[in-house]
Amino acid sequence: MSKKCLVVAGEPSGDLIGQFVVQSLVDLGWKVEGSGGPLMQNAGLHPLVDFEPLAVSGVGDVLGGAVGLGRSLRRLQRALTSGQYQALFCIDYPGFNLRLMARAQAQNLPVYWLAPPQAWAWKANRARLFHQVPVGVFFEFEKAIYAQAGALVSLVAHPLRPSRLPSGQSSTPRPRRWGIFLGSRAPQVRRNLAWGLRTAQLWESQGKEVVIVAPNPHLHRYLQRHFAPSLVQLRSAVKLSQLAAAFCPPGTITLDLACHGVPFAVLNRVDWLTYFAGKKHLRLPYFALPSLILKRSVAPEHYFCWPQQPRLALLQQLTSRLAQPSPNLISALHHALSGSSISAWVRGMFAV
């Protein structure tokens, strides 16, 4: 009889890295159930809860979706305590996974984590919860924090790591398309819609070819109601290497753009609860992942509290500042994101 593992991710970035976890477990003969998006489901995960409503951004979104989120968490907790599973595998999403880990540990079930909570950003005491827990991290600065807390920590290569180093100046003409990414979650996209519309108008008036990038079919339909339908494309249909530049919120998309050599600026409008909580608790000089990894600013970042939005003059200034990243940036990320592959790390823990 196959062993069963409960694997839990709650955001598109977790779905991206989780597909390699699920595929590795399936290859080892495990049956995988839990929470994951289309990539994880295509790799073999059987979903127990609806994935899309789990992707929330900020304090206000969590409070607004508390009923549905609570229902999904209880469904996963009941599954975990049913006696059907031999392991719990957590992928980011600490709001759910810290609770599930505590319940699994109370049952003496093995727990594994990939992309643990960002203890380096806030609530550093969370790292202490990972004593003797196998943890895979993507960034060197995370490894030191969790190793000090007694976790069984390994450095794992991020799947967005550039596969090859740039070979100097390319003779290929610079791409003409300018990309607008408004977020991976519906509430985030709605908040950022105003600056997205204004940016699209600005860029079109400058003769630029504009593409509005939608993360999933639901948001693709939503964005087509607000922009010219011909401008909106699904993320799966857009090759980042063919973008001249982009505006985007913080998150995994900043790393993806940087690894593809696309210059970008970060713009994000957050709910007021998140804005003031961040002002009080976060002490980071920047939030874009490439800047955090390399410990230097690689792109301008601007954040606004709802209902504020960036002025046209700022959008014009940011547009004029976008320049092609140097090959040194891609090379630095190539080296900084090194480590064993996710698949090799999972096989090393489960092939026993």
Protein backbone atom coordinates (compact mmCIF):
# COMPACT_ATOMS: atom_id res chain seq x y z
CA MET A 1 0.00 0.00 0.00
CA SER A 2 1.39 3.43 -0.99
CA LYS A 3 2.41 5.85 1.71
CA LYS A 4 0.56 9.17 1.77
CA CYS A 5 1.97 12.64 2.33
CA LEU A 6 -0.05 15.77 3.03
CA VAL A 7 1.54 18.62 1.06
CA VAL A 8 0.32 22.17 1.67
CA ALA A 9 1.01 25.32 -0.35
CA GLY A 10 -1.24 28.36 -0.50
CA GLU A 11 0.13 30.82 -3.05
CA PRO A 12 1.22 30.80 -6.72
CA SER A 13 4.88 31.03 -5.70
CA GLY A 14 4.38 27.94 -3.55
CA ASP A 15 2.69 26.19 -6.44
CA LEU A 16 5.76 26.93 -8.59
CA ILE A 17 8.22 25.30 -6.20
CA GLY A 18 5.74 22.70 -4.95
CA GLN A 19 5.41 21.01 -8.34
CA PHE A 20 8.95 19.64 -7.94
CA VAL A 21 8.16 18.35 -4.46
CA VAL A 22 5.01 16.57 -5.64
CA GLN A 23 6.69 15.08 -8.71
CA SER A 24 9.57 13.76 -6.61
CA LEU A 25 7.23 12.15 -4.07
CA VAL A 26 5.12 10.59 -6.81
CA ASP A 27 8.26 9.20 -8.46
CA LEU A 28 9.19 7.63 -5.12
CA GLY A 29 5.80 5.91 -4.93
CA TRP A 30 4.06 8.25 -2.49
CA LYS A 31 0.44 9.31 -2.84
CA VAL A 32 0.18 13.08 -2.45
CA GLU A 33 -2.86 15.02 -1.21
CA GLY A 34 -3.39 18.48 0.22
CA SER A 35 -3.39 22.02 -1.14
CA GLY A 36 -1.78 23.21 -4.36
CA GLY A 37 -2.44 25.00 -7.61
CA PRO A 38 -2.50 23.78 -11.20
CA LEU A 39 1.24 23.04 -11.36
CA MET A 40 1.17 20.84 -8.28
CA GLN A 41 -2.04 19.15 -9.39
CA ASN A 42 -0.55 18.42 -12.81
CA ALA A 43 2.43 16.85 -11.01
CA GLY A 44 0.13 14.46 -9.14
CA LEU A 45 -1.36 16.21 -6.11
CA HIS A 46 -4.99 15.42 -5.25
CA PRO A 47 -6.50 18.66 -3.86
CA LEU A 48 -8.50 18.59 -0.63
CA VAL A 49 -9.39 22.31 -0.67
CA ASP A 50 -9.92 25.02 -3.29
CA PHE A 51 -6.54 26.63 -3.92
CA GLU A 52 -7.43 29.98 -5.47
CA PRO A 53 -9.10 31.61 -2.40
CA LEU A 54 -6.03 30.81 -0.27
CA ALA A 55 -3.88 33.38 -2.05
CA VAL A 56 -4.31 36.52 0.06
CA SER A 57 -2.04 39.52 0.43
CA GLY A 58 -1.88 41.54 3.61
CA VAL A 59 -3.74 41.80 6.90
CA GLY A 60 -6.91 43.23 5.38
CA ASP A 61 -7.25 40.40 2.87
CA VAL A 62 -6.82 37.77 5.58
CA LEU A 63 -9.54 39.36 7.71
CA GLY A 64 -11.85 39.71 4.72
CA GLY A 65 -11.45 36.05 3.79
CA ALA A 66 -11.35 34.69 7.34
CA VAL A 67 -14.43 32.48 7.01
CA GLY A 68 -13.28 30.69 3.88
CA LEU A 69 -9.69 30.45 5.06
CA GLY A 70 -10.80 28.98 8.38
CA ARG A 71 -12.93 26.40 6.60
CA SER A 72 -9.99 25.27 4.44
CA LEU A 73 -7.63 25.11 7.41
CA ARG A 74 -10.03 22.94 9.38
CA ARG A 75 -10.43 20.61 6.40
CA LEU A 76 -6.66 20.13 6.25
CA GLN A 77 -6.42 19.69 10.03
CA ARG A 78 -9.07 16.98 9.95
CA ALA A 79 -7.22 15.23 7.15
CA LEU A 80 -3.94 15.41 9.07
CA THR A 81 -5.47 13.84 12.20
CA SER A 82 -7.28 11.10 10.27
CA GLY A 83 -4.38 8.68 10.55
CA GLN A 84 -4.05 8.37 6.76
CA TYR A 85 -0.75 10.23 6.34
CA GLN A 86 2.83 9.30 7.11
CA ALA A 87 4.31 12.80 6.67
CA LEU A 88 3.48 16.50 6.36
CA PHE A 89 5.29 18.64 3.80
CA CYS A 90 4.88 22.41 4.24
CA ILE A 91 5.64 24.86 1.44
CA ASP A 92 5.77 28.47 2.62
CA TYR A 93 2.29 29.71 3.70
CA PRO A 94 3.03 29.95 7.46
CA GLY A 95 -0.49 31.09 8.37
CA PHE A 96 -1.67 27.53 7.74
CA ASN A 97 1.50 25.52 7.94
CA LEU A 98 2.70 26.56 11.40
CA ARG A 99 -0.62 25.33 12.81
CA LEU A 100 -0.46 22.13 10.80
CA MET A 101 3.14 21.53 11.90
CA ALA A 102 2.18 21.82 15.57
CA ARG A 103 -0.61 19.32 15.08
CA ALA A 104 1.62 16.90 13.19
CA GLN A 105 4.33 17.09 15.82
CA ALA A 106 1.77 16.33 18.53
CA GLN A 107 1.05 13.11 16.59
CA ASN A 108 4.78 12.36 16.10
CA LEU A 109 4.39 12.69 12.33
CA PRO A 110 7.53 13.72 10.39
CA VAL A 111 7.40 17.34 9.14
CA TYR A 112 9.38 18.81 6.24
CA TRP A 113 9.52 22.46 5.14
CA LEU A 114 10.52 24.16 1.93
CA ALA A 115 10.63 27.98 2.05
CA PRO A 116 10.04 28.44 5.81
CA PRO A 117 8.66 31.66 7.37
CA GLN A 118 10.61 34.85 6.68
CA ALA A 119 12.05 35.07 10.18
CA TRP A 120 14.68 37.46 8.87
CA ALA A 121 11.95 40.02 8.11
CA TRP A 122 9.71 39.83 11.19
CA LYS A 123 8.80 37.54 14.10
CA ALA A 124 12.31 36.14 14.31
CA ASN A 125 11.29 33.90 17.21
CA ARG A 126 9.41 31.67 14.73
CA ALA A 127 12.73 30.11 13.73
CA ARG A 128 12.90 28.42 17.15
CA LEU A 129 9.89 26.29 16.22
CA PHE A 130 12.03 24.46 13.64
CA HIS A 131 14.43 22.68 15.99
CA GLN A 132 15.33 19.34 14.36
CA VAL A 133 12.89 19.95 11.48
CA PRO A 134 14.32 19.32 7.96
CA VAL A 135 14.17 22.69 6.20
CA GLY A 136 15.06 23.67 2.65
CA VAL A 137 15.90 27.34 2.10
CA PHE A 138 16.73 29.22 -1.08
CA PHE A 139 18.87 32.04 0.30
CA GLU A 140 22.18 31.95 2.18
CA PHE A 141 21.05 34.49 4.77
CA GLU A 142 18.09 32.24 5.65
CA LYS A 143 20.35 29.23 6.15
CA ALA A 144 22.29 30.89 8.98
CA ILE A 145 19.12 31.91 10.83
CA TYR A 146 17.55 28.45 10.76
CA ALA A 147 20.81 26.63 11.45
CA GLN A 148 21.26 28.73 14.56
CA ALA A 149 17.74 27.71 15.65
CA GLY A 150 18.68 24.03 15.37
CA ALA A 151 16.84 23.19 12.15
CA LEU A 152 18.22 20.52 9.83
CA VAL A 153 18.70 23.11 7.13
CA SER A 154 19.83 22.64 3.52
CA LEU A 155 20.49 25.21 0.82
CA VAL A 156 18.29 24.41 -2.19
CA ALA A 157 18.58 25.93 -5.67
CA HIS A 158 15.65 28.18 -6.54
CA PRO A 159 13.83 26.96 -9.68
CA LEU A 160 14.06 30.49 -11.14
CA ARG A 161 17.88 30.47 -10.95
CA PRO A 162 19.35 31.49 -14.33
CA SER A 163 20.35 28.29 -16.09
CA ARG A 164 23.22 29.90 -17.95
CA LEU A 165 25.45 32.91 -17.51
CA PRO A 166 25.16 35.81 -19.97
CA SER A 167 27.86 35.95 -22.63
CA GLY A 168 28.38 39.71 -22.77
CA GLN A 169 26.54 42.11 -25.03
CA SER A 170 24.01 40.43 -27.30
CA SER A 171 23.47 41.50 -30.90
CA THR A 172 19.77 40.62 -30.59
CA PRO A 173 17.55 43.71 -30.90
CA ARG A 174 16.06 44.87 -27.61
CA PRO A 175 12.47 43.66 -27.12
CA ARG A 176 9.67 46.18 -27.66
CA ARG A 177 6.96 44.90 -25.30
CA TRP A 178 6.52 46.57 -21.91
CA GLY A 179 4.87 44.43 -19.25
CA ILE A 180 2.46 45.37 -16.46
CA PHE A 181 2.08 42.83 -13.65
CA LEU A 182 -0.58 43.78 -11.11
CA GLY A 183 -0.22 40.81 -8.75
CA SER A 184 -0.91 37.11 -8.33
CA ARG A 185 -3.93 37.46 -6.03
CA ALA A 186 -7.32 38.93 -6.87
CA PRO A 187 -7.45 41.56 -4.06
CA GLN A 188 -3.93 42.70 -4.92
CA VAL A 189 -4.82 43.03 -8.61
CA ARG A 190 -7.91 45.09 -7.76
CA ARG A 191 -5.89 47.46 -5.58
CA ASN A 192 -3.20 47.92 -8.23
CA LEU A 193 -5.65 48.34 -11.11
CA ALA A 194 -5.63 52.17 -11.01
CA TRP A 195 -1.87 52.55 -11.48
CA GLY A 196 -1.95 49.78 -14.08
CA LEU A 197 -4.52 51.67 -16.15
CA ARG A 198 -2.59 54.91 -15.85
CA THR A 199 0.69 53.22 -16.79
CA ALA A 200 -0.87 51.53 -19.84
CA GLN A 201 -2.19 54.89 -21.06
CA LEU A 202 1.21 56.51 -20.52
CA TRP A 203 3.15 53.82 -22.33
CA GLU A 204 0.74 53.66 -25.24
CA SER A 205 1.00 57.45 -25.62
CA GLN A 206 4.78 56.95 -25.89
CA GLY A 207 4.34 54.39 -28.66
CA LYS A 208 5.26 51.39 -26.54
CA GLU A 209 3.78 47.94 -27.11
CA VAL A 210 2.00 47.12 -23.83
CA VAL A 211 1.06 43.73 -22.40
CA ILE A 212 -1.02 43.27 -19.23
CA VAL A 213 -0.01 39.95 -17.69
CA ALA A 214 -2.71 37.91 -15.93
CA PRO A 215 -1.61 35.12 -13.55
CA ASN A 216 -4.63 32.85 -14.12
CA PRO A 217 -7.78 32.55 -16.28
CA HIS A 218 -10.05 34.12 -13.65
CA LEU A 219 -7.96 37.29 -13.43
CA HIS A 220 -7.48 37.21 -17.21
CA ARG A 221 -11.25 37.66 -17.62
CA TYR A 222 -11.31 40.36 -14.93
CA LEU A 223 -8.50 42.36 -16.55
CA GLN A 224 -10.08 42.10 -20.00
CA ARG A 225 -13.07 44.01 -18.61
CA HIS A 226 -10.81 46.95 -17.70
CA PHE A 227 -8.18 46.99 -20.45
CA ALA A 228 -8.45 46.49 -24.19
CA PRO A 229 -8.81 42.68 -24.39
CA SER A 230 -6.00 42.45 -26.94
CA LEU A 231 -3.54 43.81 -24.34
CA VAL A 232 -4.22 41.11 -21.73
CA GLN A 233 -2.35 37.82 -21.88
CA LEU A 234 -1.98 34.89 -19.51
CA ARG A 235 1.38 34.61 -17.75
CA SER A 236 1.90 31.20 -19.39
CA ALA A 237 1.78 32.85 -22.83
CA VAL A 238 4.29 35.62 -22.05
CA LYS A 239 8.02 35.01 -22.44
CA LEU A 240 9.78 37.29 -19.96
CA SER A 241 12.91 37.38 -22.10
CA GLN A 242 10.83 39.18 -24.74
CA LEU A 243 9.97 42.11 -22.46
CA ALA A 244 11.83 45.40 -22.67
CA ALA A 245 10.87 46.39 -19.11
CA ALA A 246 8.10 45.96 -16.54
CA PHE A 247 6.24 47.41 -13.58
CA CYS A 248 5.24 44.88 -10.91
CA PRO A 249 4.48 44.35 -7.21
CA PRO A 250 7.08 42.77 -4.90
CA GLY A 251 7.31 39.00 -4.73
CA THR A 252 8.56 36.14 -6.86
CA ILE A 253 7.90 38.06 -10.08
CA THR A 254 10.77 40.45 -9.24
CA LEU A 255 13.19 37.53 -9.10
CA ASP A 256 11.79 36.03 -12.28
CA LEU A 257 12.20 39.32 -14.16
CA ALA A 258 15.74 39.90 -12.85
CA CYS A 259 16.82 36.37 -13.77
CA HIS A 260 15.56 36.98 -17.31
CA GLY A 261 17.44 40.27 -17.57
CA VAL A 262 14.31 42.44 -17.61
CA PRO A 263 14.59 45.87 -15.94
CA PHE A 264 11.69 46.57 -13.61
CA ALA A 265 10.25 48.95 -11.04
CA VAL A 266 8.17 47.86 -8.05
CA LEU A 267 4.80 49.49 -7.42
CA ASN A 268 2.28 48.18 -4.91
CA ARG A 269 -0.82 49.54 -3.22
CA VAL A 270 -1.71 47.78 0.05
CA ASP A 271 -4.63 47.96 2.44
CA TRP A 272 -4.21 50.36 5.34
CA LEU A 273 -3.91 47.62 7.98
CA THR A 274 -0.98 46.04 6.15
CA TYR A 275 0.60 49.42 5.47
CA PHE A 276 0.69 50.52 9.10
CA ALA A 277 1.61 47.06 10.41
CA GLY A 278 4.53 47.06 8.00
CA LYS A 279 5.62 50.54 9.05
CA LYS A 280 5.64 49.40 12.67
CA HIS A 281 7.23 45.95 12.42
CA LEU A 282 9.30 45.75 9.22
CA ARG A 283 12.78 47.24 9.10
CA LEU A 284 13.90 46.18 5.66
CA PRO A 285 15.59 48.64 3.27
CA TYR A 286 13.86 46.98 0.29
CA PHE A 287 11.38 44.19 -0.47
CA ALA A 288 12.19 43.08 -4.03
CA LEU A 289 13.72 39.60 -3.81
CA PRO A 290 16.80 40.33 -6.00
CA SER A 291 17.66 43.26 -3.73
CA LEU A 292 17.26 41.16 -0.57
CA ILE A 293 19.37 38.35 -2.02
CA LEU A 294 22.20 40.59 -3.24
CA LYS A 295 21.93 43.04 -0.30
CA ARG A 296 21.74 46.05 -2.59
CA SER A 297 18.98 47.87 -4.40
CA VAL A 298 18.55 46.61 -7.95
CA ALA A 299 15.25 48.36 -8.75
CA PRO A 300 13.22 51.37 -7.53
CA GLU A 301 10.38 50.50 -5.15
CA HIS A 302 7.29 52.56 -4.25
CA TYR A 303 4.47 51.56 -1.89
CA PHE A 304 1.14 53.25 -1.30
CA CYS A 305 -1.64 52.92 1.23
CA TRP A 306 -5.12 52.49 -0.19
CA PRO A 307 -6.68 54.71 -1.59
CA GLN A 308 -3.49 56.58 -2.56
CA GLN A 309 -1.97 55.93 -5.98
CA PRO A 310 1.20 57.04 -7.78
CA ARG A 311 1.08 60.31 -9.64
CA LEU A 312 1.64 60.45 -13.38
CA ALA A 313 4.93 62.29 -12.82
CA LEU A 314 6.26 59.34 -10.80
CA LEU A 315 5.24 56.85 -13.49
CA GLN A 316 7.00 58.98 -16.10
CA GLN A 317 10.12 59.19 -13.93
CA LEU A 318 10.22 55.43 -13.30
CA THR A 319 9.71 54.72 -17.01
CA SER A 320 12.64 56.93 -17.95
CA ARG A 321 14.86 55.26 -15.32
CA LEU A 322 14.37 51.72 -16.57
CA ALA A 323 17.58 50.51 -18.17
CA GLN A 324 18.79 47.10 -19.26
CA PRO A 325 20.34 45.27 -16.27
CA SER A 326 24.01 44.52 -16.62
CA PRO A 327 25.12 40.92 -17.17
CA ASN A 328 26.74 41.17 -13.73
CA LEU A 329 23.28 41.15 -12.09
CA ILE A 330 22.28 37.90 -13.76
CA SER A 331 25.67 36.37 -12.93
CA ALA A 332 25.34 37.42 -9.29
CA LEU A 333 21.90 35.82 -9.04
CA HIS A 334 23.17 32.66 -10.76
CA HIS A 335 25.78 32.23 -8.02
CA ALA A 336 23.59 33.42 -5.13
CA LEU A 337 20.78 30.96 -5.91
CA SER A 338 22.95 27.86 -6.12
CA GLY A 339 22.32 24.67 -4.14
CA SER A 340 21.02 21.16 -4.62
CA SER A 341 17.90 20.81 -6.74
CA ILE A 342 14.51 20.56 -5.01
CA SER A 343 14.08 17.07 -6.47
CA ALA A 344 17.46 15.87 -5.19
CA TRP A 345 16.76 17.29 -1.73
CA VAL A 346 13.34 15.60 -1.52
CA ARG A 347 14.70 12.29 -2.75
CA GLY A 348 17.48 12.47 -0.20
CA MET A 349 14.97 12.75 2.66
CA PHE A 350 12.27 10.35 1.45
CA ALA A 351 14.18 7.61 -0.36
CA VAL A 352 14.84 5.68 2.85
